[in-house]
Amino acid sequence: MTLLFSGVVAYVAQQMAVPYPNIFVVLVGFYGLFFLTTKLRNSGWGLV
């Protein structure tokens, strides 16, 4: 499901020709969401 969802988002971003985010946005976004997922891994919010 996540691969499918990620693929749909990638397709939309590709079709809209969005620019690649700033490297700091990428790092903050990835690690922030990763640690949030780790913290919420035992609850339903972890799926979100």
All heavy atoms as atom14 arrays in JSON, in Angstrom:
{
  "sequence": "MTLLFSGVVAYVAQQMAVPYPNIFVVLVGFYGLFFLTTKLRNSGWGLV",
  "atom14_mask": [
    [1, 1, 1, 1, 1, 1, 1, 1, 0, 0, 0, 0, 0, 0],
    [1, 1, 1, 1, 1, 1, 1, 0, 0, 0, 0, 0, 0, 0],
    [1, 1, 1, 1, 1, 1, 1, 1, 0, 0, 0, 0, 0, 0],
    [1, 1, 1, 1, 1, 1, 1, 1, 0, 0, 0, 0, 0, 0],
    [1, 1, 1, 1, 1, 1, 1, 1, 1, 1, 1, 0, 0, 0],
    [1, 1, 1, 1, 1, 1, 0, 0, 0, 0, 0, 0, 0, 0],
    [1, 1, 1, 1, 0, 0, 0, 0, 0, 0, 0, 0, 0, 0],
    [1, 1, 1, 1, 1, 1, 1, 0, 0, 0, 0, 0, 0, 0],
    [1, 1, 1, 1, 1, 1, 1, 0, 0, 0, 0, 0, 0, 0],
    [1, 1, 1, 1, 1, 0, 0, 0, 0, 0, 0, 0, 0, 0],
    [1, 1, 1, 1, 1, 1, 1, 1, 1, 1, 1, 1, 0, 0],
    [1, 1, 1, 1, 1, 1, 1, 0, 0, 0, 0, 0, 0, 0],
    [1, 1, 1, 1, 1, 0, 0, 0, 0, 0, 0, 0, 0, 0],
    [1, 1, 1, 1, 1, 1, 1, 1, 1, 0, 0, 0, 0, 0],
    [1, 1, 1, 1, 1, 1, 1, 1, 1, 0, 0, 0, 0, 0],
    [1, 1, 1, 1, 1, 1, 1, 1, 0, 0, 0, 0, 0, 0],
    [1, 1, 1, 1, 1, 0, 0, 0, 0, 0, 0, 0, 0, 0],
    [1, 1, 1, 1, 1, 1, 1, 0, 0, 0, 0, 0, 0, 0],
    [1, 1, 1, 1, 1, 1, 1, 0, 0, 0, 0, 0, 0, 0],
    [1, 1, 1, 1, 1, 1, 1, 1, 1, 1, 1, 1, 0, 0],
    [1, 1, 1, 1, 1, 1, 1, 0, 0, 0, 0, 0, 0, 0],
    [1, 1, 1, 1, 1, 1, 1, 1, 0, 0, 0, 0, 0, 0],
    [1, 1, 1, 1, 1, 1, 1, 1, 0, 0, 0, 0, 0, 0],
    [1, 1, 1, 1, 1, 1, 1, 1, 1, 1, 1, 0, 0, 0],
    [1, 1, 1, 1, 1, 1, 1, 0, 0, 0, 0, 0, 0, 0],
    [1, 1, 1, 1, 1, 1, 1, 0, 0, 0, 0, 0, 0, 0],
    [1, 1, 1, 1, 1, 1, 1, 1, 0, 0, 0, 0, 0, 0],
    [1, 1, 1, 1, 1, 1, 1, 0, 0, 0, 0, 0, 0, 0],
    [1, 1, 1, 1, 0, 0, 0, 0, 0, 0, 0, 0, 0, 0],
    [1, 1, 1, 1, 1, 1, 1, 1, 1, 1, 1, 0, 0, 0],
    [1, 1, 1, 1, 1, 1, 1, 1, 1, 1, 1, 1, 0, 0],
    [1, 1, 1, 1, 0, 0, 0, 0, 0, 0, 0, 0, 0, 0],
    [1, 1, 1, 1, 1, 1, 1, 1, 0, 0, 0, 0, 0, 0],
    [1, 1, 1, 1, 1, 1, 1, 1, 1, 1, 1, 0, 0, 0],
    [1, 1, 1, 1, 1, 1, 1, 1, 1, 1, 1, 0, 0, 0],
    [1, 1, 1, 1, 1, 1, 1, 1, 0, 0, 0, 0, 0, 0],
    [1, 1, 1, 1, 1, 1, 1, 0, 0, 0, 0, 0, 0, 0],
    [1, 1, 1, 1, 1, 1, 1, 0, 0, 0, 0, 0, 0, 0],
    [1, 1, 1, 1, 1, 1, 1, 1, 1, 0, 0, 0, 0, 0],
    [1, 1, 1, 1, 1, 1, 1, 1, 0, 0, 0, 0, 0, 0],
    [1, 1, 1, 1, 1, 1, 1, 1, 1, 1, 1, 0, 0, 0],
    [1, 1, 1, 1, 1, 1, 1, 1, 0, 0, 0, 0, 0, 0],
    [1, 1, 1, 1, 1, 1, 0, 0, 0, 0, 0, 0, 0, 0],
    [1, 1, 1, 1, 0, 0, 0, 0, 0, 0, 0, 0, 0, 0],
    [1, 1, 1, 1, 1, 1, 1, 1, 1, 1, 1, 1, 1, 1],
    [1, 1, 1, 1, 0, 0, 0, 0, 0, 0, 0, 0, 0, 0],
    [1, 1, 1, 1, 1, 1, 1, 1, 0, 0, 0, 0, 0, 0],
    [1, 1, 1, 1, 1, 1, 1, 0, 0, 0, 0, 0, 0, 0]
  ],
  "atom14_positions": [
    [[0.82, -1.21, 0.0], [0.0, 0.0, 0.0], [0.85, 1.26, 0.0], [0.54, 2.24, -0.7], [-0.95, -0.01, 1.2], [-2.06, -1.04, 1.1], [-3.29, -0.88, 2.43], [-2.34, -1.53, 3.82], [0.0, 0.0, 0.0], [0.0, 0.0, 0.0], [0.0, 0.0, 0.0], [0.0, 0.0, 0.0], [0.0, 0.0, 0.0], [0.0, 0.0, 0.0]],
    [[1.95, 1.27, 0.76], [2.8, 2.46, 0.8], [3.54, 2.66, -0.51], [3.73, 3.8, -0.95], [3.82, 2.37, 1.96], [4.54, 1.13, 1.87], [3.12, 2.44, 3.31], [0.0, 0.0, 0.0], [0.0, 0.0, 0.0], [0.0, 0.0, 0.0], [0.0, 0.0, 0.0], [0.0, 0.0, 0.0], [0.0, 0.0, 0.0], [0.0, 0.0, 0.0]],
    [[3.95, 1.57, -1.16], [4.61, 1.69, -2.46], [3.64, 2.24, -3.5], [4.01, 3.09, -4.32], [5.16, 0.34, -2.91], [6.41, -0.18, -2.18], [6.71, -1.61, -2.6], [7.61, 0.73, -2.46], [0.0, 0.0, 0.0], [0.0, 0.0, 0.0], [0.0, 0.0, 0.0], [0.0, 0.0, 0.0], [0.0, 0.0, 0.0], [0.0, 0.0, 0.0]],
    [[2.4, 1.78, -3.45], [1.38, 2.28, -4.37], [1.1, 3.75, -4.11], [1.05, 4.57, -5.05], [0.1, 1.47, -4.23], [-1.09, 1.9, -5.1], [-0.73, 1.8, -6.58], [-2.32, 1.05, -4.79], [0.0, 0.0, 0.0], [0.0, 0.0, 0.0], [0.0, 0.0, 0.0], [0.0, 0.0, 0.0], [0.0, 0.0, 0.0], [0.0, 0.0, 0.0]],
    [[0.94, 4.12, -2.85], [0.66, 5.5, -2.48], [1.83, 6.41, -2.87], [1.64, 7.49, -3.44], [0.41, 5.6, -0.97], [0.18, 6.99, -0.47], [-0.95, 7.7, -0.84], [1.1, 7.6, 0.38], [-1.17, 9.0, -0.39], [0.89, 8.88, 0.84], [-0.25, 9.59, 0.46], [0.0, 0.0, 0.0], [0.0, 0.0, 0.0], [0.0, 0.0, 0.0]],
    [[3.04, 5.94, -2.59], [4.23, 6.71, -2.93], [4.35, 6.89, -4.44], [4.73, 7.96, -4.92], [5.47, 5.99, -2.39], [6.65, 6.71, -2.67], [0.0, 0.0, 0.0], [0.0, 0.0, 0.0], [0.0, 0.0, 0.0], [0.0, 0.0, 0.0], [0.0, 0.0, 0.0], [0.0, 0.0, 0.0], [0.0, 0.0, 0.0], [0.0, 0.0, 0.0]],
    [[4.01, 5.83, -5.19], [4.05, 5.92, -6.64], [3.06, 6.92, -7.2], [3.37, 7.66, -8.13], [0.0, 0.0, 0.0], [0.0, 0.0, 0.0], [0.0, 0.0, 0.0], [0.0, 0.0, 0.0], [0.0, 0.0, 0.0], [0.0, 0.0, 0.0], [0.0, 0.0, 0.0], [0.0, 0.0, 0.0], [0.0, 0.0, 0.0], [0.0, 0.0, 0.0]],
    [[1.87, 6.96, -6.61], [0.85, 7.92, -7.04], [1.31, 9.35, -6.76], [1.18, 10.24, -7.61], [-0.5, 7.65, -6.34], [-1.5, 8.79, -6.6], [-1.09, 6.33, -6.8], [0.0, 0.0, 0.0], [0.0, 0.0, 0.0], [0.0, 0.0, 0.0], [0.0, 0.0, 0.0], [0.0, 0.0, 0.0], [0.0, 0.0, 0.0], [0.0, 0.0, 0.0]],
    [[1.87, 9.57, -5.57], [2.37, 10.9, -5.22], [3.51, 11.31, -6.15], [3.59, 12.45, -6.61], [2.84, 10.94, -3.75], [3.5, 12.28, -3.43], [1.68, 10.7, -2.8], [0.0, 0.0, 0.0], [0.0, 0.0, 0.0], [0.0, 0.0, 0.0], [0.0, 0.0, 0.0], [0.0, 0.0, 0.0], [0.0, 0.0, 0.0], [0.0, 0.0, 0.0]],
    [[4.41, 10.37, -6.45], [5.52, 10.65, -7.36], [5.01, 11.01, -8.75], [5.53, 11.93, -9.4], [6.45, 9.44, -7.44], [0.0, 0.0, 0.0], [0.0, 0.0, 0.0], [0.0, 0.0, 0.0], [0.0, 0.0, 0.0], [0.0, 0.0, 0.0], [0.0, 0.0, 0.0], [0.0, 0.0, 0.0], [0.0, 0.0, 0.0], [0.0, 0.0, 0.0]],
    [[3.99, 10.3, -9.2], [3.42, 10.57, -10.53], [2.8, 11.96, -10.57], [3.0, 12.72, -11.54], [2.37, 9.51, -10.87], [1.65, 9.78, -12.17], [2.26, 9.53, -13.39], [0.35, 10.3, -12.17], [1.6, 9.78, -14.59], [-0.31, 10.56, -13.37], [0.32, 10.29, -14.57], [-0.34, 10.56, -15.75], [0.0, 0.0, 0.0], [0.0, 0.0, 0.0]],
    [[2.06, 12.31, -9.51], [1.44, 13.64, -9.46], [2.51, 14.73, -9.43], [2.41, 15.74, -10.16], [0.52, 13.75, -8.23], [0.02, 15.19, -8.05], [-0.67, 12.81, -8.36], [0.0, 0.0, 0.0], [0.0, 0.0, 0.0], [0.0, 0.0, 0.0], [0.0, 0.0, 0.0], [0.0, 0.0, 0.0], [0.0, 0.0, 0.0], [0.0, 0.0, 0.0]],
    [[3.55, 14.53, -8.62], [4.63, 15.51, -8.54], [5.36, 15.63, -9.87], [5.74, 16.74, -10.29], [5.61, 15.1, -7.44], [0.0, 0.0, 0.0], [0.0, 0.0, 0.0], [0.0, 0.0, 0.0], [0.0, 0.0, 0.0], [0.0, 0.0, 0.0], [0.0, 0.0, 0.0], [0.0, 0.0, 0.0], [0.0, 0.0, 0.0], [0.0, 0.0, 0.0]],
    [[5.51, 14.5, -10.56], [6.18, 14.51, -11.87], [5.34, 15.24, -12.91], [5.85, 16.02, -13.7], [6.46, 13.06, -12.29], [7.2, 12.92, -13.6], [6.27, 12.62, -14.76], [5.3, 11.87, -14.6], [6.55, 13.18, -15.91], [0.0, 0.0, 0.0], [0.0, 0.0, 0.0], [0.0, 0.0, 0.0], [0.0, 0.0, 0.0], [0.0, 0.0, 0.0]],
    [[4.04, 14.98, -12.89], [3.14, 15.62, -13.86], [3.03, 17.13, -13.6], [2.89, 17.92, -14.54], [1.75, 14.98, -13.79], [1.7, 13.57, -14.34], [1.99, 13.51, -15.83], [1.39, 14.22, -16.62], [2.94, 12.66, -16.21], [0.0, 0.0, 0.0], [0.0, 0.0, 0.0], [0.0, 0.0, 0.0], [0.0, 0.0, 0.0], [0.0, 0.0, 0.0]],
    [[3.1, 17.52, -12.34], [3.02, 18.95, -11.99], [4.36, 19.65, -12.13], [4.44, 20.87, -11.96], [2.49, 19.1, -10.56], [1.06, 18.62, -10.37], [0.5, 18.8, -8.66], [0.57, 20.58, -8.45], [0.0, 0.0, 0.0], [0.0, 0.0, 0.0], [0.0, 0.0, 0.0], [0.0, 0.0, 0.0], [0.0, 0.0, 0.0], [0.0, 0.0, 0.0]],
    [[5.41, 18.88, -12.43], [6.76, 19.42, -12.61], [7.22, 20.24, -11.41], [7.79, 21.32, -11.56], [6.83, 20.26, -13.89], [0.0, 0.0, 0.0], [0.0, 0.0, 0.0], [0.0, 0.0, 0.0], [0.0, 0.0, 0.0], [0.0, 0.0, 0.0], [0.0, 0.0, 0.0], [0.0, 0.0, 0.0], [0.0, 0.0, 0.0], [0.0, 0.0, 0.0]],
    [[6.97, 19.72, -10.22], [7.38, 20.44, -9.01], [8.9, 20.39, -8.89], [9.53, 19.39, -9.28], [6.73, 19.83, -7.75], [5.21, 19.97, -7.8], [7.13, 18.38, -7.58], [0.0, 0.0, 0.0], [0.0, 0.0, 0.0], [0.0, 0.0, 0.0], [0.0, 0.0, 0.0], [0.0, 0.0, 0.0], [0.0, 0.0, 0.0], [0.0, 0.0, 0.0]],
    [[9.51, 21.44, -8.38], [10.98, 21.43, -8.23], [11.4, 20.55, -7.06], [10.61, 20.28, -6.15], [11.31, 22.9, -7.94], [10.06, 23.44, -7.31], [8.91, 22.72, -7.97], [0.0, 0.0, 0.0], [0.0, 0.0, 0.0], [0.0, 0.0, 0.0], [0.0, 0.0, 0.0], [0.0, 0.0, 0.0], [0.0, 0.0, 0.0], [0.0, 0.0, 0.0]],
    [[12.65, 20.08, -7.12], [13.17, 19.27, -6.01], [13.32, 20.14, -4.77], [13.87, 21.25, -4.86], [14.52, 18.66, -6.38], [14.96, 17.6, -5.41], [14.46, 16.3, -5.49], [15.89, 17.89, -4.4], [14.86, 15.32, -4.6], [16.29, 16.91, -3.51], [15.77, 15.63, -3.61], [16.16, 14.66, -2.73], [0.0, 0.0, 0.0], [0.0, 0.0, 0.0]],
    [[12.85, 19.69, -3.62], [12.93, 20.51, -2.41], [14.37, 20.81, -2.0], [15.3, 20.08, -2.36], [12.24, 19.64, -1.34], [11.47, 18.61, -2.11], [12.22, 18.39, -3.38], [0.0, 0.0, 0.0], [0.0, 0.0, 0.0], [0.0, 0.0, 0.0], [0.0, 0.0, 0.0], [0.0, 0.0, 0.0], [0.0, 0.0, 0.0], [0.0, 0.0, 0.0]],
    [[14.55, 21.86, -1.24], [15.85, 22.18, -0.67], [16.34, 21.0, 0.17], [15.56, 20.31, 0.81], [15.72, 23.45, 0.19], [17.04, 23.86, 0.81], [17.46, 23.31, 1.82], [17.69, 24.83, 0.2], [0.0, 0.0, 0.0], [0.0, 0.0, 0.0], [0.0, 0.0, 0.0], [0.0, 0.0, 0.0], [0.0, 0.0, 0.0], [0.0, 0.0, 0.0]],
    [[17.64, 20.76, 0.15], [18.22, 19.61, 0.85], [17.88, 19.61, 2.33], [17.65, 18.55, 2.94], [19.76, 19.57, 0.65], [20.35, 18.31, 1.29], [20.41, 20.82, 1.21], [19.86, 17.01, 0.69], [0.0, 0.0, 0.0], [0.0, 0.0, 0.0], [0.0, 0.0, 0.0], [0.0, 0.0, 0.0], [0.0, 0.0, 0.0], [0.0, 0.0, 0.0]],
    [[17.79, 20.79, 2.92], [17.45, 20.86, 4.34], [15.99, 20.49, 4.58], [15.65, 19.87, 5.59], [17.75, 22.26, 4.89], [19.21, 22.62, 4.87], [19.72, 23.51, 3.94], [20.08, 22.03, 5.77], [21.07, 23.82, 3.9], [21.43, 22.34, 5.76], [21.93, 23.23, 4.82], [0.0, 0.0, 0.0], [0.0, 0.0, 0.0], [0.0, 0.0, 0.0]],
    [[15.13, 20.85, 3.63], [13.72, 20.45, 3.72], [13.6, 18.94, 3.62], [12.84, 18.31, 4.36], [12.9, 21.12, 2.6], [11.46, 20.6, 2.6], [12.9, 22.63, 2.76], [0.0, 0.0, 0.0], [0.0, 0.0, 0.0], [0.0, 0.0, 0.0], [0.0, 0.0, 0.0], [0.0, 0.0, 0.0], [0.0, 0.0, 0.0], [0.0, 0.0, 0.0]],
    [[14.39, 18.34, 2.72], [14.38, 16.89, 2.56], [14.84, 16.2, 3.83], [14.21, 15.25, 4.3], [15.28, 16.48, 1.37], [15.39, 14.95, 1.3], [14.72, 17.02, 0.07], [0.0, 0.0, 0.0], [0.0, 0.0, 0.0], [0.0, 0.0, 0.0], [0.0, 0.0, 0.0], [0.0, 0.0, 0.0], [0.0, 0.0, 0.0], [0.0, 0.0, 0.0]],
    [[15.94, 16.68, 4.41], [16.49, 16.06, 5.62], [15.54, 16.2, 6.81], [15.28, 15.23, 7.53], [17.85, 16.67, 5.96], [18.98, 16.36, 4.98], [20.25, 17.11, 5.37], [19.27, 14.86, 4.95], [0.0, 0.0, 0.0], [0.0, 0.0, 0.0], [0.0, 0.0, 0.0], [0.0, 0.0, 0.0], [0.0, 0.0, 0.0], [0.0, 0.0, 0.0]],
    [[15.01, 17.4, 6.99], [14.09, 17.64, 8.1], [12.8, 16.83, 7.91], [12.28, 16.21, 8.84], [13.76, 19.14, 8.25], [12.64, 19.35, 9.26], [15.0, 19.91, 8.67], [0.0, 0.0, 0.0], [0.0, 0.0, 0.0], [0.0, 0.0, 0.0], [0.0, 0.0, 0.0], [0.0, 0.0, 0.0], [0.0, 0.0, 0.0], [0.0, 0.0, 0.0]],
    [[12.29, 16.83, 6.67], [11.07, 16.1, 6.38], [11.23, 14.61, 6.58], [10.4, 13.96, 7.24], [0.0, 0.0, 0.0], [0.0, 0.0, 0.0], [0.0, 0.0, 0.0], [0.0, 0.0, 0.0], [0.0, 0.0, 0.0], [0.0, 0.0, 0.0], [0.0, 0.0, 0.0], [0.0, 0.0, 0.0], [0.0, 0.0, 0.0], [0.0, 0.0, 0.0]],
    [[12.33, 14.05, 6.07], [12.54, 12.61, 6.18], [12.78, 12.19, 7.63], [12.09, 11.32, 8.16], [13.71, 12.17, 5.31], [14.12, 10.74, 5.55], [13.34, 9.7, 5.07], [15.26, 10.43, 6.29], [13.69, 8.37, 5.31], [15.62, 9.12, 6.53], [14.83, 8.09, 6.04], [0.0, 0.0, 0.0], [0.0, 0.0, 0.0], [0.0, 0.0, 0.0]],
    [[13.79, 12.8, 8.27], [14.13, 12.38, 9.62], [13.04, 12.73, 10.63], [12.79, 11.98, 11.59], [15.47, 12.97, 10.05], [16.64, 12.28, 9.39], [17.35, 12.88, 8.35], [17.02, 11.0, 9.79], [18.41, 12.22, 7.74], [18.07, 10.34, 9.18], [18.76, 10.95, 8.16], [19.79, 10.29, 7.55], [0.0, 0.0, 0.0], [0.0, 0.0, 0.0]],
    [[12.36, 13.87, 10.4], [11.27, 14.23, 11.29], [10.15, 13.21, 11.23], [9.66, 12.74, 12.28], [0.0, 0.0, 0.0], [0.0, 0.0, 0.0], [0.0, 0.0, 0.0], [0.0, 0.0, 0.0], [0.0, 0.0, 0.0], [0.0, 0.0, 0.0], [0.0, 0.0, 0.0], [0.0, 0.0, 0.0], [0.0, 0.0, 0.0], [0.0, 0.0, 0.0]],
    [[9.74, 12.83, 10.02], [8.67, 11.85, 9.86], [9.12, 10.45, 10.26], [8.32, 9.66, 10.78], [8.19, 11.85, 8.41], [7.39, 13.09, 7.99], [7.18, 13.12, 6.48], [6.05, 13.13, 8.7], [0.0, 0.0, 0.0], [0.0, 0.0, 0.0], [0.0, 0.0, 0.0], [0.0, 0.0, 0.0], [0.0, 0.0, 0.0], [0.0, 0.0, 0.0]],
    [[10.41, 10.16, 10.06], [10.92, 8.84, 10.47], [10.87, 8.68, 11.98], [10.39, 7.66, 12.5], [12.35, 8.66, 9.96], [12.96, 7.35, 10.37], [12.69, 6.19, 9.66], [13.81, 7.27, 11.47], [13.24, 4.97, 10.04], [14.37, 6.06, 11.86], [14.08, 4.91, 11.14], [0.0, 0.0, 0.0], [0.0, 0.0, 0.0], [0.0, 0.0, 0.0]],
    [[11.36, 9.69, 12.7], [11.35, 9.6, 14.16], [9.93, 9.66, 14.72], [9.63, 9.05, 15.74], [12.21, 10.71, 14.76], [13.69, 10.47, 14.58], [14.49, 11.38, 13.91], [14.29, 9.33, 15.09], [15.84, 11.15, 13.73], [15.65, 9.08, 14.92], [16.42, 10.0, 14.23], [0.0, 0.0, 0.0], [0.0, 0.0, 0.0], [0.0, 0.0, 0.0]],
    [[9.05, 10.39, 14.03], [7.65, 10.43, 14.45], [7.02, 9.05, 14.29], [6.29, 8.58, 15.18], [6.89, 11.45, 13.62], [5.38, 11.58, 13.92], [5.17, 12.08, 15.34], [4.72, 12.51, 12.91], [0.0, 0.0, 0.0], [0.0, 0.0, 0.0], [0.0, 0.0, 0.0], [0.0, 0.0, 0.0], [0.0, 0.0, 0.0], [0.0, 0.0, 0.0]],
    [[7.31, 8.39, 13.18], [6.79, 7.05, 12.95], [7.32, 6.07, 13.98], [6.59, 5.21, 14.48], [7.16, 6.56, 11.53], [6.67, 7.49, 10.56], [6.57, 5.19, 11.25], [0.0, 0.0, 0.0], [0.0, 0.0, 0.0], [0.0, 0.0, 0.0], [0.0, 0.0, 0.0], [0.0, 0.0, 0.0], [0.0, 0.0, 0.0], [0.0, 0.0, 0.0]],
    [[8.6, 6.21, 14.31], [9.21, 5.35, 15.34], [8.51, 5.53, 16.68], [8.24, 4.55, 17.39], [10.71, 5.66, 15.48], [11.35, 5.46, 14.21], [11.36, 4.76, 16.51], [0.0, 0.0, 0.0], [0.0, 0.0, 0.0], [0.0, 0.0, 0.0], [0.0, 0.0, 0.0], [0.0, 0.0, 0.0], [0.0, 0.0, 0.0], [0.0, 0.0, 0.0]],
    [[8.2, 6.76, 17.01], [7.55, 7.06, 18.29], [6.11, 6.53, 18.33], [5.63, 6.08, 19.37], [7.56, 8.57, 18.53], [6.98, 8.98, 19.88], [7.12, 10.47, 20.1], [6.54, 10.91, 21.44], [7.23, 10.26, 22.58], [0.0, 0.0, 0.0], [0.0, 0.0, 0.0], [0.0, 0.0, 0.0], [0.0, 0.0, 0.0], [0.0, 0.0, 0.0]],
    [[5.44, 6.57, 17.17], [4.03, 6.19, 17.11], [3.82, 4.76, 16.61], [2.69, 4.36, 16.33], [3.28, 7.15, 16.19], [3.28, 8.63, 16.58], [2.61, 9.46, 15.48], [2.57, 8.84, 17.9], [0.0, 0.0, 0.0], [0.0, 0.0, 0.0], [0.0, 0.0, 0.0], [0.0, 0.0, 0.0], [0.0, 0.0, 0.0], [0.0, 0.0, 0.0]],
    [[4.88, 3.98, 16.51], [4.82, 2.67, 15.86], [3.84, 1.7, 16.52], [3.37, 0.76, 15.87], [6.21, 2.04, 15.81], [6.81, 1.7, 17.18], [8.23, 1.2, 17.02], [8.85, 0.82, 18.27], [9.46, 1.68, 19.1], [9.51, 2.97, 18.77], [9.99, 1.26, 20.23], [0.0, 0.0, 0.0], [0.0, 0.0, 0.0], [0.0, 0.0, 0.0]],
    [[3.52, 1.91, 17.78], [2.63, 0.98, 18.48], [1.19, 1.48, 18.57], [0.39, 0.92, 19.31], [3.16, 0.71, 19.9], [4.48, -0.04, 19.88], [4.65, -0.99, 19.11], [5.43, 0.39, 20.69], [0.0, 0.0, 0.0], [0.0, 0.0, 0.0], [0.0, 0.0, 0.0], [0.0, 0.0, 0.0], [0.0, 0.0, 0.0], [0.0, 0.0, 0.0]],
    [[0.88, 2.5, 17.8], [-0.48, 3.04, 17.81], [-0.99, 3.18, 16.39], [-0.23, 3.07, 15.42], [-0.51, 4.41, 18.51], [0.11, 5.4, 17.7], [0.0, 0.0, 0.0], [0.0, 0.0, 0.0], [0.0, 0.0, 0.0], [0.0, 0.0, 0.0], [0.0, 0.0, 0.0], [0.0, 0.0, 0.0], [0.0, 0.0, 0.0], [0.0, 0.0, 0.0]],
    [[-2.3, 3.45, 16.27], [-2.88, 3.63, 14.96], [-2.32, 4.83, 14.22], [-2.28, 4.86, 12.99], [0.0, 0.0, 0.0], [0.0, 0.0, 0.0], [0.0, 0.0, 0.0], [0.0, 0.0, 0.0], [0.0, 0.0, 0.0], [0.0, 0.0, 0.0], [0.0, 0.0, 0.0], [0.0, 0.0, 0.0], [0.0, 0.0, 0.0], [0.0, 0.0, 0.0]],
    [[-1.86, 5.83, 14.99], [-1.26, 7.01, 14.36], [0.04, 6.67, 13.64], [0.49, 7.41, 12.77], [-1.01, 8.1, 15.4], [-2.27, 8.77, 15.85], [-2.92, 8.6, 17.04], [-3.05, 9.71, 15.1], [-4.06, 9.37, 17.08], [-4.17, 10.07, 15.9], [-2.93, 10.27, 13.83], [-5.13, 10.97, 15.48], [-3.89, 11.17, 13.4], [-4.97, 11.51, 14.22]],
    [[0.64, 5.54, 14.02], [1.85, 5.11, 13.34], [1.6, 4.82, 11.86], [2.47, 5.06, 11.02], [0.0, 0.0, 0.0], [0.0, 0.0, 0.0], [0.0, 0.0, 0.0], [0.0, 0.0, 0.0], [0.0, 0.0, 0.0], [0.0, 0.0, 0.0], [0.0, 0.0, 0.0], [0.0, 0.0, 0.0], [0.0, 0.0, 0.0], [0.0, 0.0, 0.0]],
    [[0.4, 4.33, 11.55], [0.04, 4.09, 10.15], [-0.07, 5.41, 9.39], [0.36, 5.51, 8.24], [-1.29, 3.33, 10.07], [-1.26, 1.88, 10.56], [-2.68, 1.32, 10.6], [-0.38, 1.03, 9.66], [0.0, 0.0, 0.0], [0.0, 0.0, 0.0], [0.0, 0.0, 0.0], [0.0, 0.0, 0.0], [0.0, 0.0, 0.0], [0.0, 0.0, 0.0]],
    [[-0.63, 6.43, 10.06], [-0.76, 7.75, 9.43], [0.61, 8.33, 9.13], [0.86, 8.83, 8.02], [-1.56, 8.71, 10.34], [-1.62, 10.11, 9.72], [-2.97, 8.18, 10.59], [0.0, 0.0, 0.0], [0.0, 0.0, 0.0], [0.0, 0.0, 0.0], [0.0, 0.0, 0.0], [0.0, 0.0, 0.0], [0.0, 0.0, 0.0], [0.0, 0.0, 0.0]]
  ]
}
